[in-house]
Amino acid sequence: MAKNCLSALLLLFLSLHLSLVHGHRKNQIQALKNLLKTRESSHMDRGKFEPYLYVQDVNSVSNVDQKWKDMIGHLPGQPPVEFVQYGGYVIVDQSAGRAFYYYFVEAEKDKESLPLLLWLNGGPGCSSLGVGAMQELGPFRVYSDGKTLYKNAFAWNRAANVLFLESPAGVGFSYSNTTSDYSNSGDKITAKDNYAFLLNWLERFPEYKNRDFYISGESYAGHYVPELAHTILYHNKNTNNTHINLKGIIIGNAVINDETDNKGAFDYLESHALISDKSLTQIHRYCDFSPTAPSNPECDNAMSVSNEELFYIDQYNIYAPVCTNDRLTARPRKISYEIYPCREYYVYAYLNRPEVQEALHANARKLDNDWEECRELFWSDSPFTIIDLLQEFMANGLRVWIYSGDTDSVVPVTSTKYSLKTLNLQVKTFWHPWLVHEQVGGYTEVYEGNLTFATVRGAGHEVPSYQPRRALALISHFLNGTPLPYKPPK
């Protein structure tokens, strides 16, 4: 087992855990730490990736009538909108009583022609409702009173019909009646259940069966998204089930290749003056991030020093302030960047209000615990790399985009660049800036095989949270299949 690599990762994420006071972010770090611990005994090397052979029988568990029961008339504290939204449960395994919660917002305009976009948050164990929908790309954000909502002017349902899914079981409002399901999470079971969810959901919303379909996500969704796409491709070719019209995937600040992801993280930290030259020299000398590397005490010591150097930094956005006041306010504060770091507390309060859960058609089993953004899960399998799946998608003509918020140091742009280099792709369009409203939105490079890499300038780990206008421009060009805009200097 790659104990040295695991030790390095654990120490890195432990430093994140200690340096952040944000509740949601501490939970994300704990989820990643738990994943790494379980890898020591169960981590699988992908080799030739075997297809998932399970196909859920959807006919007995879904019907179109349920769609109308899932329609959300009006969320508490919601401003007026011109689109329809839905929320509810879809069974993914009837015998186990496993059901996933979804939140779906139709496009503001042209819903009949715009594509269907699925969003998955990572963790593993973090909620696409509480993070993705309520803090990033969904139609609403929560005010500081934890009771009222304001409209996100750059919501992604301006470009697509957007579906948010809480998975696997135990995440957010999703649940199972089989207790052992909560200790048997992993990449394979998540991909299988996500696929079953899609089949069942399309039975409930048949108007989207033939619609162009895209999968998006961030962080550990660097595993979720490709593995679901792989499952769809396999079943499209080999079964008589519903054909899902998958056109492409897009993942941000994504975990895709352990060795290069982690080496790049430390190179990024030093290059941005967050750890010392000496620390990086020691890490380069003593730490081997390859999967088969033995444990090394000198590496552990170098990591401990770098942890101290990082103690007060929010590594999800190295230039952002941390939350210093998590209390709700009696009246909504004026929207500003200064209060933004505490957003997860506002969402937590809002989604735990009984009237909100009733309006969302959520918490069907009246769970004993509160809704939380991230939950600790025992993760039973996680490949070291998903690079081979990216190659499969390109070979099958899928559109593949990978983007990086350039102020994130958890899975930074340096890591993603190192990981993409392992593909040895020919450059089709060389590195250049892309523009939004005549400002640099980031930089991009396009490769042979229909793979585009893009950075988003000034964005942290959750790109749409920090740069919503640039994120909307990015997803719009991805969905349209058009290059990111650029004017060569005169």
Protein backbone atom coordinates (compact mmCIF):
# COMPACT_ATOMS: atom_id res chain seq x y z
CA MET A 1 0.00 0.00 0.00
CA ALA A 2 1.22 3.50 -0.78
CA LYS A 3 1.56 4.53 2.85
CA ASN A 4 3.89 7.41 2.14
CA CYS A 5 1.48 8.89 -0.41
CA LEU A 6 -1.38 8.40 2.02
CA SER A 7 0.58 9.96 4.85
CA ALA A 8 1.37 12.98 2.72
CA LEU A 9 -2.26 13.39 1.73
CA LEU A 10 -3.50 12.94 5.27
CA LEU A 11 -1.12 15.55 6.57
CA LEU A 12 -2.03 17.96 3.80
CA PHE A 13 -5.73 17.66 4.51
CA LEU A 14 -5.15 17.69 8.25
CA SER A 15 -3.51 21.08 7.78
CA LEU A 16 -6.59 22.23 5.91
CA HIS A 17 -8.81 20.98 8.70
CA LEU A 18 -6.84 22.87 11.31
CA SER A 19 -6.53 26.06 9.30
CA LEU A 20 -10.23 26.55 8.53
CA VAL A 21 -12.98 27.61 10.90
CA HIS A 22 -15.72 27.13 8.29
CA GLY A 23 -18.12 24.35 9.29
CA HIS A 24 -18.80 23.13 5.76
CA ARG A 25 -15.13 23.20 4.82
CA LYS A 26 -14.05 21.31 7.90
CA ASN A 27 -16.62 18.68 6.97
CA GLN A 28 -15.26 18.48 3.43
CA ILE A 29 -11.75 17.97 4.76
CA GLN A 30 -12.93 15.31 7.20
CA ALA A 31 -14.62 13.49 4.32
CA LEU A 32 -11.38 13.49 2.34
CA LYS A 33 -9.40 12.34 5.39
CA ASN A 34 -11.82 9.45 5.92
CA LEU A 35 -11.50 8.46 2.27
CA LEU A 36 -7.74 8.34 2.55
CA LYS A 37 -7.86 6.24 5.72
CA THR A 38 -10.09 3.64 4.11
CA ARG A 39 -7.82 3.48 1.07
CA GLU A 40 -5.06 1.89 3.16
CA SER A 41 -7.00 -1.36 3.33
CA SER A 42 -9.30 -1.19 0.33
CA HIS A 43 -7.79 1.05 -2.35
CA MET A 44 -7.99 -0.51 -5.77
CA ASP A 45 -5.70 0.03 -8.70
CA ARG A 46 -7.93 0.50 -11.71
CA GLY A 47 -5.95 -1.40 -14.31
CA LYS A 48 -8.51 -2.22 -17.00
CA PHE A 49 -11.64 -0.59 -15.70
CA GLU A 50 -14.44 -3.13 -15.48
CA PRO A 51 -17.94 -1.99 -16.45
CA TYR A 52 -20.75 -1.96 -13.94
CA LEU A 53 -23.08 -4.82 -14.76
CA TYR A 54 -25.96 -3.81 -12.52
CA VAL A 55 -29.07 -2.37 -14.19
CA GLN A 56 -31.97 -1.21 -12.05
CA ASP A 57 -35.47 -2.27 -13.07
CA VAL A 58 -37.11 1.14 -13.32
CA ASN A 59 -40.60 0.14 -14.35
CA SER A 60 -41.86 -0.65 -10.88
CA VAL A 61 -40.44 2.35 -9.05
CA SER A 62 -41.29 5.47 -11.02
CA ASN A 63 -44.20 7.06 -12.81
CA VAL A 64 -44.90 10.36 -14.49
CA ASP A 65 -47.64 11.24 -11.98
CA GLN A 66 -45.00 11.61 -9.28
CA LYS A 67 -43.48 14.51 -11.22
CA TRP A 68 -46.42 16.75 -10.40
CA LYS A 69 -46.21 15.84 -6.74
CA ASP A 70 -42.56 16.89 -6.81
CA MET A 71 -43.29 20.38 -8.16
CA ILE A 72 -42.22 23.10 -5.73
CA GLY A 73 -44.70 25.95 -5.72
CA HIS A 74 -42.70 28.45 -3.70
CA LEU A 75 -39.80 28.13 -1.28
CA PRO A 76 -40.02 30.09 1.99
CA GLY A 77 -38.48 33.52 1.57
CA GLN A 78 -38.08 33.06 -2.19
CA PRO A 79 -38.23 36.00 -4.62
CA PRO A 80 -40.50 35.71 -7.69
CA VAL A 81 -39.10 33.64 -10.57
CA GLU A 82 -40.20 32.63 -14.06
CA PHE A 83 -39.09 29.01 -14.04
CA VAL A 84 -40.45 25.80 -12.50
CA GLN A 85 -38.58 23.86 -9.83
CA TYR A 86 -39.00 20.34 -8.47
CA GLY A 87 -37.71 18.35 -5.53
CA GLY A 88 -38.24 14.83 -4.26
CA TYR A 89 -37.00 11.28 -3.97
CA VAL A 90 -36.13 8.68 -6.55
CA ILE A 91 -35.61 5.05 -5.53
CA VAL A 92 -32.30 3.61 -6.71
CA ASP A 93 -32.54 0.21 -5.01
CA GLN A 94 -36.01 -0.96 -4.06
CA SER A 95 -34.96 -4.05 -2.08
CA ALA A 96 -32.57 -2.04 0.11
CA GLY A 97 -34.94 0.92 0.40
CA ARG A 98 -32.28 3.25 -0.94
CA ALA A 99 -33.55 6.60 -2.24
CA PHE A 100 -31.77 9.72 -3.48
CA TYR A 101 -33.00 13.27 -3.09
CA TYR A 102 -32.91 15.56 -6.12
CA TYR A 103 -33.56 19.24 -6.77
CA PHE A 104 -34.32 20.26 -10.35
CA VAL A 105 -34.67 23.73 -11.85
CA GLU A 106 -35.88 24.18 -15.39
CA ALA A 107 -34.22 26.78 -17.58
CA GLU A 108 -35.44 30.35 -17.25
CA LYS A 109 -36.04 30.48 -21.00
CA ASP A 110 -36.20 27.91 -23.81
CA LYS A 111 -36.51 24.95 -21.47
CA GLU A 112 -37.84 22.83 -24.34
CA SER A 113 -34.63 23.17 -26.34
CA LEU A 114 -31.83 23.66 -23.80
CA PRO A 115 -29.87 20.60 -22.61
CA LEU A 116 -30.13 18.73 -19.33
CA LEU A 117 -27.15 19.27 -17.02
CA LEU A 118 -26.48 17.12 -13.94
CA TRP A 119 -24.36 18.63 -11.15
CA LEU A 120 -22.52 16.49 -8.58
CA ASN A 121 -20.57 17.82 -5.60
CA GLY A 122 -17.66 15.82 -4.28
CA GLY A 123 -16.40 15.18 -0.78
CA PRO A 124 -16.96 12.29 -0.92
CA GLY A 125 -20.06 12.89 1.14
CA CYS A 126 -20.97 16.51 0.33
CA SER A 127 -24.37 17.76 -0.78
CA SER A 128 -25.09 19.03 -4.26
CA LEU A 129 -28.18 20.76 -2.85
CA GLY A 130 -26.49 22.64 -0.02
CA VAL A 131 -23.22 23.43 -1.79
CA GLY A 132 -23.87 23.34 -5.52
CA ALA A 133 -27.45 24.63 -5.62
CA MET A 134 -27.50 27.00 -2.64
CA GLN A 135 -23.95 28.39 -2.74
CA GLU A 136 -22.65 28.02 -6.28
CA LEU A 137 -24.69 27.68 -9.46
CA GLY A 138 -28.31 27.33 -8.34
CA PRO A 139 -31.00 29.99 -8.79
CA PHE A 140 -30.94 31.22 -5.16
CA ARG A 141 -28.51 32.21 -2.42
CA VAL A 142 -29.38 32.46 1.30
CA TYR A 143 -29.31 35.77 3.14
CA SER A 144 -27.55 36.14 6.51
CA ASP A 145 -30.85 35.71 8.39
CA GLY A 146 -31.04 32.07 7.32
CA LYS A 147 -34.68 32.61 6.33
CA THR A 148 -34.81 34.49 3.05
CA LEU A 149 -33.37 33.98 -0.41
CA TYR A 150 -32.07 36.27 -3.11
CA LYS A 151 -31.74 35.51 -6.79
CA ASN A 152 -28.41 34.41 -8.23
CA ALA A 153 -28.04 36.57 -11.33
CA PHE A 154 -25.59 34.10 -12.84
CA ALA A 155 -27.40 30.83 -12.14
CA TRP A 156 -26.65 28.03 -14.59
CA ASN A 157 -30.33 27.53 -15.39
CA ARG A 158 -29.82 30.49 -17.69
CA ALA A 159 -27.91 28.03 -19.91
CA ALA A 160 -29.50 24.64 -19.16
CA ASN A 161 -32.11 22.67 -17.25
CA VAL A 162 -30.10 21.85 -14.12
CA LEU A 163 -30.46 18.73 -11.96
CA PHE A 164 -28.77 18.52 -8.54
CA LEU A 165 -28.35 15.09 -6.93
CA GLU A 166 -27.49 14.23 -3.33
CA SER A 167 -25.54 10.99 -3.43
CA PRO A 168 -24.56 8.46 -2.18
CA ALA A 169 -26.98 7.30 0.53
CA GLY A 170 -26.41 9.23 3.74
CA VAL A 171 -25.55 12.50 1.98
CA GLY A 172 -27.94 15.37 2.63
CA PHE A 173 -31.52 14.13 2.51
CA SER A 174 -30.73 10.88 0.67
CA TYR A 175 -31.18 7.73 2.73
CA SER A 176 -31.32 3.96 2.87
CA ASN A 177 -33.47 1.63 4.96
CA THR A 178 -30.53 -0.79 5.05
CA THR A 179 -28.06 0.26 7.74
CA SER A 180 -25.10 -1.45 6.09
CA ASP A 181 -25.42 0.88 3.08
CA TYR A 182 -23.96 3.67 5.18
CA SER A 183 -20.74 1.70 5.72
CA ASN A 184 -20.45 0.46 2.16
CA SER A 185 -19.98 3.60 0.11
CA GLY A 186 -17.49 3.83 -2.72
CA ASP A 187 -16.93 4.77 -6.34
CA LYS A 188 -18.56 1.69 -7.87
CA ILE A 189 -21.72 1.70 -5.79
CA THR A 190 -22.10 5.46 -6.27
CA ALA A 191 -21.80 5.20 -10.06
CA LYS A 192 -24.26 2.31 -10.11
CA ASP A 193 -26.80 4.16 -7.98
CA ASN A 194 -26.37 7.43 -9.86
CA TYR A 195 -27.07 5.57 -13.10
CA ALA A 196 -30.16 3.93 -11.60
CA PHE A 197 -31.29 7.36 -10.41
CA LEU A 198 -31.00 8.77 -13.93
CA LEU A 199 -33.01 5.94 -15.45
CA ASN A 200 -35.75 6.35 -12.86
CA TRP A 201 -35.73 10.15 -13.07
CA LEU A 202 -36.10 10.05 -16.86
CA GLU A 203 -39.17 7.87 -16.44
CA ARG A 204 -40.59 10.61 -14.23
CA PHE A 205 -39.53 13.36 -16.66
CA PRO A 206 -39.81 11.62 -20.06
CA GLU A 207 -39.58 14.90 -21.98
CA TYR A 208 -35.83 14.82 -21.24
CA LYS A 209 -35.18 11.26 -22.44
CA ASN A 210 -33.85 12.35 -25.82
CA ARG A 211 -32.41 15.67 -24.67
CA ASP A 212 -28.68 16.36 -24.94
CA PHE A 213 -27.24 15.41 -21.56
CA TYR A 214 -24.10 16.64 -19.81
CA ILE A 215 -22.52 15.80 -16.45
CA SER A 216 -20.71 18.39 -14.32
CA GLY A 217 -19.14 18.58 -10.89
CA GLU A 218 -16.12 19.55 -8.84
CA SER A 219 -13.48 18.19 -6.45
CA TYR A 220 -14.05 14.47 -5.75
CA ALA A 221 -16.67 14.58 -8.48
CA GLY A 222 -13.52 14.20 -10.57
CA HIS A 223 -14.32 10.55 -9.83
CA TYR A 224 -18.12 10.71 -9.71
CA VAL A 225 -18.55 12.40 -13.10
CA PRO A 226 -16.23 10.19 -15.21
CA GLU A 227 -17.39 6.98 -13.57
CA LEU A 228 -21.04 7.80 -14.19
CA ALA A 229 -20.21 8.75 -17.79
CA HIS A 230 -18.39 5.44 -18.22
CA THR A 231 -21.40 3.58 -16.87
CA ILE A 232 -23.74 5.39 -19.26
CA LEU A 233 -21.53 4.62 -22.27
CA TYR A 234 -21.36 0.96 -21.32
CA HIS A 235 -25.11 0.53 -20.91
CA ASN A 236 -25.89 2.59 -24.00
CA LYS A 237 -23.88 0.09 -26.02
CA ASN A 238 -24.69 -3.15 -24.24
CA THR A 239 -28.25 -3.11 -22.87
CA ASN A 240 -31.79 -2.41 -23.97
CA ASN A 241 -32.33 0.13 -21.22
CA THR A 242 -33.09 3.79 -21.76
CA HIS A 243 -30.47 5.34 -24.01
CA ILE A 244 -29.07 8.43 -22.28
CA ASN A 245 -27.97 11.02 -24.83
CA LEU A 246 -24.64 11.81 -23.17
CA LYS A 247 -22.69 14.51 -25.01
CA GLY A 248 -19.93 15.50 -22.62
CA ILE A 249 -18.54 16.10 -19.14
CA ILE A 250 -17.05 19.11 -17.36
CA ILE A 251 -15.25 18.94 -14.00
CA GLY A 252 -13.64 21.65 -11.89
CA ASN A 253 -10.65 21.54 -9.51
CA ALA A 254 -11.01 17.82 -9.85
CA VAL A 255 -9.30 14.87 -8.18
CA ILE A 256 -8.23 12.85 -11.23
CA ASN A 257 -4.73 11.43 -10.64
CA ASP A 258 -3.38 11.08 -7.11
CA GLU A 259 0.34 11.23 -7.79
CA THR A 260 0.35 14.40 -9.87
CA ASP A 261 -2.56 15.99 -8.01
CA ASN A 262 -0.61 15.87 -4.76
CA LYS A 263 2.80 16.78 -6.10
CA GLY A 264 1.23 19.78 -7.82
CA ALA A 265 -0.46 20.91 -4.61
CA PHE A 266 2.85 21.48 -2.84
CA ASP A 267 4.45 23.10 -5.86
CA TYR A 268 1.49 25.48 -5.98
CA LEU A 269 1.79 26.33 -2.28
CA GLU A 270 5.45 27.28 -2.59
CA SER A 271 4.96 29.21 -5.83
CA HIS A 272 2.28 31.33 -4.09
CA ALA A 273 4.49 32.04 -1.05
CA LEU A 274 2.40 29.93 1.34
CA ILE A 275 5.11 27.47 2.33
CA SER A 276 8.84 28.11 2.42
CA ASP A 277 11.44 27.18 -0.17
CA LYS A 278 13.00 24.96 2.48
CA SER A 279 9.74 23.06 3.07
CA LEU A 280 9.27 22.37 -0.62
CA THR A 281 12.91 21.29 -0.97
CA GLN A 282 12.44 18.83 1.88
CA ILE A 283 9.17 17.55 0.41
CA HIS A 284 10.79 17.05 -3.00
CA ARG A 285 13.73 15.27 -1.37
CA TYR A 286 11.85 12.92 0.94
CA CYS A 287 8.28 12.53 -0.37
CA ASP A 288 7.41 10.11 -3.16
CA PHE A 289 3.78 10.41 -4.22
CA SER A 290 3.75 7.33 -6.44
CA PRO A 291 1.20 4.65 -5.48
CA THR A 292 3.81 2.07 -4.42
CA ALA A 293 6.14 4.35 -2.43
CA PRO A 294 7.12 3.17 1.08
CA SER A 295 6.55 5.22 4.23
CA ASN A 296 9.18 7.86 5.00
CA PRO A 297 9.50 9.61 8.42
CA GLU A 298 11.51 12.47 6.88
CA CYS A 299 8.58 13.16 4.55
CA ASP A 300 6.19 13.21 7.49
CA ASN A 301 8.39 15.70 9.30
CA ALA A 302 8.56 17.99 6.25
CA MET A 303 4.78 17.86 6.00
CA SER A 304 4.41 18.83 9.67
CA VAL A 305 6.49 21.93 9.10
CA SER A 306 4.43 22.92 6.07
CA ASN A 307 1.23 22.41 8.11
CA GLU A 308 2.35 25.07 10.57
CA GLU A 309 3.09 27.47 7.73
CA LEU A 310 -0.43 26.99 6.35
CA PHE A 311 -2.29 27.21 9.64
CA TYR A 312 -4.27 30.42 9.07
CA ILE A 313 -4.90 30.17 5.32
CA ASP A 314 -8.18 29.16 3.73
CA GLN A 315 -6.79 26.78 1.17
CA TYR A 316 -10.07 26.64 -0.75
CA ASN A 317 -9.35 30.24 -1.73
CA ILE A 318 -5.93 31.45 -0.64
CA TYR A 319 -6.87 35.14 -0.93
CA ALA A 320 -10.28 34.95 0.75
CA PRO A 321 -11.05 35.96 4.35
CA VAL A 322 -12.21 33.27 6.75
CA CYS A 323 -15.52 33.33 8.58
CA THR A 324 -15.09 35.04 11.94
CA ASN A 325 -18.77 35.46 12.85
CA ASP A 326 -21.05 32.52 12.10
CA ARG A 327 -24.12 33.99 13.83
CA LEU A 328 -27.30 34.66 11.89
CA THR A 329 -28.66 38.18 11.74
CA ALA A 330 -32.15 39.38 12.58
CA ARG A 331 -32.34 41.14 9.23
CA PRO A 332 -30.59 40.19 6.00
CA ARG A 333 -27.27 41.92 5.56
CA LYS A 334 -26.47 43.76 2.40
CA ILE A 335 -24.89 41.34 -0.06
CA SER A 336 -21.14 41.78 -0.13
CA TYR A 337 -18.00 39.72 -0.45
CA GLU A 338 -17.07 40.47 3.15
CA ILE A 339 -19.88 38.30 4.58
CA TYR A 340 -19.51 35.62 1.95
CA PRO A 341 -17.15 33.31 3.89
CA CYS A 342 -19.97 32.47 6.34
CA ARG A 343 -22.42 31.36 3.67
CA GLU A 344 -22.51 27.73 4.79
CA TYR A 345 -24.02 28.70 8.14
CA TYR A 346 -26.87 30.53 6.42
CA VAL A 347 -27.56 27.52 4.20
CA TYR A 348 -27.44 25.15 7.18
CA ALA A 349 -30.01 27.22 9.04
CA TYR A 350 -32.26 27.53 6.00
CA LEU A 351 -32.30 23.86 5.00
CA ASN A 352 -33.01 22.73 8.57
CA ARG A 353 -36.16 24.83 8.82
CA PRO A 354 -39.21 22.47 8.84
CA GLU A 355 -41.19 24.66 6.45
CA VAL A 356 -38.29 24.66 3.99
CA GLN A 357 -37.97 20.88 4.10
CA GLU A 358 -41.72 20.55 3.57
CA ALA A 359 -41.61 22.86 0.56
CA LEU A 360 -38.66 20.93 -0.89
CA HIS A 361 -40.46 17.58 -0.32
CA ALA A 362 -37.34 16.58 1.61
CA ASN A 363 -36.54 14.68 4.82
CA ALA A 364 -39.18 12.08 4.01
CA ARG A 365 -38.02 9.76 6.79
CA LYS A 366 -37.77 12.51 9.42
CA LEU A 367 -34.12 11.82 10.12
CA ASP A 368 -32.95 12.07 13.73
CA ASN A 369 -30.00 14.23 12.77
CA ASP A 370 -29.92 17.64 11.13
CA TRP A 371 -29.32 18.07 7.42
CA GLU A 372 -25.59 18.65 6.93
CA GLU A 373 -23.55 19.75 3.94
CA CYS A 374 -21.04 16.92 4.29
CA ARG A 375 -21.18 13.61 6.10
CA GLU A 376 -18.48 11.19 7.11
CA LEU A 377 -18.64 8.06 4.96
CA PHE A 378 -16.66 4.85 4.92
CA TRP A 379 -15.32 4.71 1.38
CA SER A 380 -14.69 1.16 0.17
CA ASP A 381 -13.08 1.78 -3.22
CA SER A 382 -11.36 4.65 -4.97
CA PRO A 383 -8.97 4.24 -7.92
CA PHE A 384 -5.66 6.09 -7.90
CA THR A 385 -6.49 7.62 -11.28
CA ILE A 386 -9.33 8.20 -13.72
CA ILE A 387 -7.06 9.29 -16.58
CA ASP A 388 -7.96 6.15 -18.54
CA LEU A 389 -11.62 7.19 -18.50
CA LEU A 390 -10.81 10.57 -20.00
CA GLN A 391 -9.08 8.70 -22.82
CA GLU A 392 -12.17 6.53 -23.27
CA PHE A 393 -14.43 9.58 -23.54
CA MET A 394 -12.25 11.24 -26.14
CA ALA A 395 -12.18 7.99 -28.13
CA ASN A 396 -16.00 7.98 -28.05
CA GLY A 397 -16.34 11.56 -29.25
CA LEU A 398 -17.50 13.11 -25.97
CA ARG A 399 -16.77 16.73 -25.19
CA VAL A 400 -14.39 16.87 -22.19
CA TRP A 401 -13.65 20.12 -20.36
CA ILE A 402 -11.59 20.46 -17.19
CA TYR A 403 -11.36 23.80 -15.39
CA SER A 404 -9.48 25.20 -12.41
CA GLY A 405 -10.19 28.13 -10.17
CA ASP A 406 -6.70 29.57 -9.89
CA THR A 407 -6.82 30.60 -6.21
CA ASP A 408 -7.65 27.08 -4.97
CA SER A 409 -4.76 25.19 -3.37
CA VAL A 410 -6.61 21.98 -2.46
CA VAL A 411 -6.68 20.67 -6.04
CA PRO A 412 -4.89 23.60 -7.67
CA VAL A 413 -4.30 24.51 -11.28
CA THR A 414 -0.72 23.21 -10.99
CA SER A 415 -2.00 19.75 -10.06
CA THR A 416 -4.45 19.63 -12.93
CA LYS A 417 -1.81 20.74 -15.43
CA TYR A 418 0.53 17.99 -14.20
CA SER A 419 -2.28 15.42 -14.42
CA LEU A 420 -3.26 16.40 -17.96
CA LYS A 421 0.36 16.12 -19.10
CA THR A 422 0.18 12.39 -18.39
CA LEU A 423 -2.25 12.10 -21.32
CA ASN A 424 0.48 13.20 -23.77
CA LEU A 425 -2.01 15.01 -25.98
CA GLN A 426 -1.15 17.18 -28.94
CA VAL A 427 -2.05 20.85 -28.50
CA LYS A 428 -4.68 22.09 -30.92
CA THR A 429 -5.03 25.68 -29.66
CA PHE A 430 -2.17 26.96 -27.55
CA TRP A 431 -2.44 28.70 -24.18
CA HIS A 432 -4.14 32.08 -24.32
CA PRO A 433 -6.47 34.25 -22.20
CA TRP A 434 -10.24 34.11 -22.57
CA LEU A 435 -12.41 37.15 -22.01
CA VAL A 436 -15.64 38.11 -20.25
CA HIS A 437 -16.84 41.69 -20.71
CA GLU A 438 -13.40 42.60 -22.05
CA GLN A 439 -11.71 41.34 -18.87
CA VAL A 440 -9.54 38.22 -18.61
CA GLY A 441 -11.79 35.44 -17.36
CA GLY A 442 -8.90 32.99 -17.23
CA TYR A 443 -6.64 31.06 -19.58
CA THR A 444 -7.29 28.08 -21.80
CA GLU A 445 -5.64 25.45 -23.96
CA VAL A 446 -7.38 23.01 -26.30
CA TYR A 447 -6.05 19.55 -27.14
CA GLU A 448 -6.59 17.07 -29.93
CA GLY A 449 -9.35 14.68 -28.94
CA ASN A 450 -11.88 17.34 -27.95
CA LEU A 451 -10.41 18.09 -24.50
CA THR A 452 -10.34 21.70 -23.28
CA PHE A 453 -8.55 22.94 -20.18
CA ALA A 454 -9.48 26.33 -18.74
CA THR A 455 -8.61 28.36 -15.68
CA VAL A 456 -11.00 30.80 -14.02
CA ARG A 457 -9.16 33.86 -12.77
CA GLY A 458 -9.75 34.80 -9.15
CA ALA A 459 -11.85 31.72 -8.35
CA GLY A 460 -11.35 29.31 -5.50
CA HIS A 461 -12.28 25.63 -5.23
CA GLU A 462 -16.01 26.29 -5.72
CA VAL A 463 -15.62 28.33 -8.90
CA PRO A 464 -19.24 29.57 -9.34
CA SER A 465 -19.23 30.89 -5.76
CA TYR A 466 -16.27 33.20 -6.26
CA GLN A 467 -16.60 34.14 -9.93
CA PRO A 468 -20.26 33.58 -10.89
CA ARG A 469 -20.19 35.66 -14.08
CA ARG A 470 -17.08 33.90 -15.39
CA ALA A 471 -18.45 30.50 -14.37
CA LEU A 472 -21.68 31.11 -16.30
CA ALA A 473 -19.70 32.16 -19.36
CA LEU A 474 -17.59 29.01 -19.05
CA ILE A 475 -20.54 26.61 -18.80
CA SER A 476 -22.40 28.40 -21.61
CA HIS A 477 -19.50 27.93 -24.04
CA PHE A 478 -19.07 24.32 -22.93
CA LEU A 479 -22.72 23.50 -23.54
CA ASN A 480 -22.75 25.32 -26.86
CA GLY A 481 -19.55 23.64 -28.00
CA THR A 482 -17.97 27.01 -28.77
CA PRO A 483 -14.42 28.16 -27.93
CA LEU A 484 -13.92 30.51 -25.02
CA PRO A 485 -13.85 34.07 -26.43
CA TYR A 486 -10.52 35.70 -27.27
CA LYS A 487 -9.30 38.78 -29.15
CA PRO A 488 -5.65 38.53 -30.25
CA PRO A 489 -3.66 41.67 -29.38
CA LYS A 490 -3.29 44.08 -32.30
